[in-house]
Amino acid sequence: MIGVERRALLVLASTLPLVGGCGLLPESPICLDELYPAVTLVVSDSASGAALKSPLAIVRDGAYVDTAGVYSGDSTIYGAALGRAGTYAVTVDHLGGYRRWERSGVRVRRGDCGPESVRLEVRLQSIAL
């Protein structure tokens, strides 16, 4: 199963040759990267390495705030800040008994066709009871 964002891209991409063939598009390249998240996260348990589903991941850049959503079809990669370059503070929480993970200064640069996505490997530590 593919994520909603990727499915939308596939539908859009499949129509581009039709529109382009009609001479309706400019000569410049068509950039679909603007539809991709600036920050992607893979969240796992630090001890076992097992993927953790349903984390609460928030990215902030000044007044801008976004919550990460499922980005991959297997529900283990999360994405936020769709098409937006910036410098982010990232916070990841999980209700399954894990310590909060935080990282500031996550810099996402603007490329020729949108943000140059930054992938974060987040390994959450279990809270010992």
C-alpha atoms as a PDB file:
ATOM      1  CA  MET A   1       0.000   0.000   0.000  1.00  0.00           C
ATOM      2  CA  ILE A   2       1.371   3.422  -0.879  1.00  0.00           C
ATOM      3  CA  GLY A   3       0.875   6.554   1.198  1.00  0.00           C
ATOM      4  CA  VAL A   4      -1.756   9.129   0.280  1.00  0.00           C
ATOM      5  CA  GLU A   5       0.867  11.670  -0.795  1.00  0.00           C
ATOM      6  CA  ARG A   6       2.628   9.195  -3.089  1.00  0.00           C
ATOM      7  CA  ARG A   7      -0.670   8.019  -4.565  1.00  0.00           C
ATOM      8  CA  ALA A   8      -1.567  11.627  -5.391  1.00  0.00           C
ATOM      9  CA  LEU A   9       1.850  12.078  -7.006  1.00  0.00           C
ATOM     10  CA  LEU A  10       1.378   8.965  -9.123  1.00  0.00           C
ATOM     11  CA  VAL A  11      -1.980  10.209 -10.377  1.00  0.00           C
ATOM     12  CA  LEU A  12      -0.556  13.664 -11.105  1.00  0.00           C
ATOM     13  CA  ALA A  13       2.576  12.263 -12.752  1.00  0.00           C
ATOM     14  CA  SER A  14       0.538   9.948 -14.971  1.00  0.00           C
ATOM     15  CA  THR A  15      -1.329  12.934 -16.444  1.00  0.00           C
ATOM     16  CA  LEU A  16       1.760  15.059 -17.164  1.00  0.00           C
ATOM     17  CA  PRO A  17       2.649  13.445 -20.515  1.00  0.00           C
ATOM     18  CA  LEU A  18      -0.879  14.152 -21.735  1.00  0.00           C
ATOM     19  CA  VAL A  19      -0.749  17.820 -20.775  1.00  0.00           C
ATOM     20  CA  GLY A  20       2.849  18.241 -21.924  1.00  0.00           C
ATOM     21  CA  GLY A  21       2.018  16.640 -25.257  1.00  0.00           C
ATOM     22  CA  CYS A  22      -0.583  19.334 -25.847  1.00  0.00           C
ATOM     23  CA  GLY A  23       2.009  22.077 -25.480  1.00  0.00           C
ATOM     24  CA  LEU A  24       0.340  23.429 -22.338  1.00  0.00           C
ATOM     25  CA  LEU A  25       3.437  23.232 -20.128  1.00  0.00           C
ATOM     26  CA  PRO A  26       6.461  25.551 -20.235  1.00  0.00           C
ATOM     27  CA  GLU A  27       9.821  24.265 -21.471  1.00  0.00           C
ATOM     28  CA  SER A  28      11.288  24.246 -17.925  1.00  0.00           C
ATOM     29  CA  PRO A  29      11.457  20.971 -15.980  1.00  0.00           C
ATOM     30  CA  ILE A  30       8.464  19.954 -13.935  1.00  0.00           C
ATOM     31  CA  CYS A  31       9.352  19.631 -10.260  1.00  0.00           C
ATOM     32  CA  LEU A  32       7.377  17.180  -8.185  1.00  0.00           C
ATOM     33  CA  ASP A  33       9.833  17.395  -5.262  1.00  0.00           C
ATOM     34  CA  GLU A  34       7.829  20.321  -3.871  1.00  0.00           C
ATOM     35  CA  LEU A  35       5.230  17.740  -2.881  1.00  0.00           C
ATOM     36  CA  TYR A  36       7.658  15.794  -0.680  1.00  0.00           C
ATOM     37  CA  PRO A  37       8.259  16.346   3.046  1.00  0.00           C
ATOM     38  CA  ALA A  38      11.261  18.404   4.132  1.00  0.00           C
ATOM     39  CA  VAL A  39      11.783  16.174   7.178  1.00  0.00           C
ATOM     40  CA  THR A  40      11.293  12.407   7.232  1.00  0.00           C
ATOM     41  CA  LEU A  41      11.602  10.257  10.341  1.00  0.00           C
ATOM     42  CA  VAL A  42      12.110   6.570  10.968  1.00  0.00           C
ATOM     43  CA  VAL A  43      11.201   5.853  14.593  1.00  0.00           C
ATOM     44  CA  SER A  44      12.399   2.730  16.395  1.00  0.00           C
ATOM     45  CA  ASP A  45      13.026   1.230  19.829  1.00  0.00           C
ATOM     46  CA  SER A  46      16.661   1.894  20.793  1.00  0.00           C
ATOM     47  CA  ALA A  47      17.143  -1.529  22.436  1.00  0.00           C
ATOM     48  CA  SER A  48      15.454  -3.867  19.942  1.00  0.00           C
ATOM     49  CA  GLY A  49      15.561  -1.781  16.763  1.00  0.00           C
ATOM     50  CA  ALA A  50      11.890  -2.591  16.170  1.00  0.00           C
ATOM     51  CA  ALA A  51       9.950   0.042  14.256  1.00  0.00           C
ATOM     52  CA  LEU A  52       7.527   2.045  16.401  1.00  0.00           C
ATOM     53  CA  LYS A  53       4.258   2.974  14.793  1.00  0.00           C
ATOM     54  CA  SER A  54       2.111   5.998  15.628  1.00  0.00           C
ATOM     55  CA  PRO A  55       4.671   8.368  17.150  1.00  0.00           C
ATOM     56  CA  LEU A  56       3.715  11.971  17.805  1.00  0.00           C
ATOM     57  CA  ALA A  57       6.316  13.903  15.830  1.00  0.00           C
ATOM     58  CA  ILE A  58       6.192  17.700  15.643  1.00  0.00           C
ATOM     59  CA  VAL A  59       8.445  19.995  13.604  1.00  0.00           C
ATOM     60  CA  ARG A  60       8.732  23.733  14.281  1.00  0.00           C
ATOM     61  CA  ASP A  61      10.384  26.551  12.350  1.00  0.00           C
ATOM     62  CA  GLY A  62       9.574  29.857  14.018  1.00  0.00           C
ATOM     63  CA  ALA A  63       5.781  30.255  13.959  1.00  0.00           C
ATOM     64  CA  TYR A  64       5.409  27.323  11.543  1.00  0.00           C
ATOM     65  CA  VAL A  65       4.347  24.036  13.194  1.00  0.00           C
ATOM     66  CA  ASP A  66       3.531  20.735  11.518  1.00  0.00           C
ATOM     67  CA  THR A  67       2.734  17.240  12.761  1.00  0.00           C
ATOM     68  CA  ALA A  68       4.354  14.367  10.901  1.00  0.00           C
ATOM     69  CA  GLY A  69       2.088  11.906   9.167  1.00  0.00           C
ATOM     70  CA  VAL A  70       2.650   8.508   7.591  1.00  0.00           C
ATOM     71  CA  TYR A  71       4.803   8.932   4.504  1.00  0.00           C
ATOM     72  CA  SER A  72       5.513   5.355   3.440  1.00  0.00           C
ATOM     73  CA  GLY A  73       3.143   2.558   2.610  1.00  0.00           C
ATOM     74  CA  ASP A  74       4.467   0.352   5.390  1.00  0.00           C
ATOM     75  CA  SER A  75       3.656   3.003   8.036  1.00  0.00           C
ATOM     76  CA  THR A  76       7.212   3.222   9.381  1.00  0.00           C
ATOM     77  CA  ILE A  77       8.408   6.443   7.734  1.00  0.00           C
ATOM     78  CA  TYR A  78       6.808   9.710   8.776  1.00  0.00           C
ATOM     79  CA  GLY A  79       7.028  13.054   6.979  1.00  0.00           C
ATOM     80  CA  ALA A  80       6.394  16.708   7.801  1.00  0.00           C
ATOM     81  CA  ALA A  81       6.787  20.215   6.382  1.00  0.00           C
ATOM     82  CA  LEU A  82       5.619  19.354   2.885  1.00  0.00           C
ATOM     83  CA  GLY A  83       7.687  21.229   0.298  1.00  0.00           C
ATOM     84  CA  ARG A  84       9.115  23.658   2.867  1.00  0.00           C
ATOM     85  CA  ALA A  85      12.790  24.442   3.463  1.00  0.00           C
ATOM     86  CA  GLY A  86      13.754  25.832   6.875  1.00  0.00           C
ATOM     87  CA  THR A  87      15.557  25.167  10.141  1.00  0.00           C
ATOM     88  CA  TYR A  88      13.501  22.918  12.359  1.00  0.00           C
ATOM     89  CA  ALA A  89      13.225  21.834  15.960  1.00  0.00           C
ATOM     90  CA  VAL A  90      11.898  18.263  15.988  1.00  0.00           C
ATOM     91  CA  THR A  91      10.181  16.560  18.925  1.00  0.00           C
ATOM     92  CA  VAL A  92       9.093  12.910  18.952  1.00  0.00           C
ATOM     93  CA  ASP A  93       6.937  11.353  21.679  1.00  0.00           C
ATOM     94  CA  HIS A  94       5.391   7.911  21.911  1.00  0.00           C
ATOM     95  CA  LEU A  95       2.651   6.852  24.305  1.00  0.00           C
ATOM     96  CA  GLY A  96       4.098   3.340  24.621  1.00  0.00           C
ATOM     97  CA  GLY A  97       6.440   4.241  27.495  1.00  0.00           C
ATOM     98  CA  TYR A  98       9.324   6.021  25.772  1.00  0.00           C
ATOM     99  CA  ARG A  99      11.377   9.102  26.599  1.00  0.00           C
ATOM    100  CA  ARG A 100      10.888  12.226  24.507  1.00  0.00           C
ATOM    101  CA  TRP A 101      13.411  12.688  21.681  1.00  0.00           C
ATOM    102  CA  GLU A 102      14.365  16.214  20.626  1.00  0.00           C
ATOM    103  CA  ARG A 103      16.677  17.722  18.066  1.00  0.00           C
ATOM    104  CA  SER A 104      17.066  21.392  17.155  1.00  0.00           C
ATOM    105  CA  GLY A 105      18.829  23.023  14.226  1.00  0.00           C
ATOM    106  CA  VAL A 106      17.659  20.501  11.611  1.00  0.00           C
ATOM    107  CA  ARG A 107      18.449  22.455   8.477  1.00  0.00           C
ATOM    108  CA  VAL A 108      16.572  21.690   5.275  1.00  0.00           C
ATOM    109  CA  ARG A 109      17.892  23.521   2.226  1.00  0.00           C
ATOM    110  CA  ARG A 110      15.946  24.538  -0.804  1.00  0.00           C
ATOM    111  CA  GLY A 111      17.078  22.690  -3.915  1.00  0.00           C
ATOM    112  CA  ASP A 112      16.307  23.356  -7.551  1.00  0.00           C
ATOM    113  CA  CYS A 113      13.003  21.529  -7.262  1.00  0.00           C
ATOM    114  CA  GLY A 114      11.931  21.937  -3.639  1.00  0.00           C
ATOM    115  CA  PRO A 115      13.420  21.010  -0.282  1.00  0.00           C
ATOM    116  CA  GLU A 116      16.414  18.689   0.014  1.00  0.00           C
ATOM    117  CA  SER A 117      14.731  16.320   2.436  1.00  0.00           C
ATOM    118  CA  VAL A 118      16.515  15.431   5.681  1.00  0.00           C
ATOM    119  CA  ARG A 119      15.958  11.921   7.043  1.00  0.00           C
ATOM    120  CA  LEU A 120      16.211  11.448  10.810  1.00  0.00           C
ATOM    121  CA  GLU A 121      16.724   8.047  12.418  1.00  0.00           C
ATOM    122  CA  VAL A 122      14.969   8.380  15.782  1.00  0.00           C
ATOM    123  CA  ARG A 123      15.768   5.710  18.365  1.00  0.00           C
ATOM    124  CA  LEU A 124      13.515   6.109  21.381  1.00  0.00           C
ATOM    125  CA  GLN A 125      14.617   4.892  24.790  1.00  0.00           C
ATOM    126  CA  SER A 126      12.159   2.944  26.893  1.00  0.00           C
ATOM    127  CA  ILE A 127      11.236   4.369  30.284  1.00  0.00           C
ATOM    128  CA  ALA A 128      12.208   1.758  32.855  1.00  0.00           C
ATOM    129  CA  LEU A 129       9.377   1.255  35.321  1.00  0.00           C
END
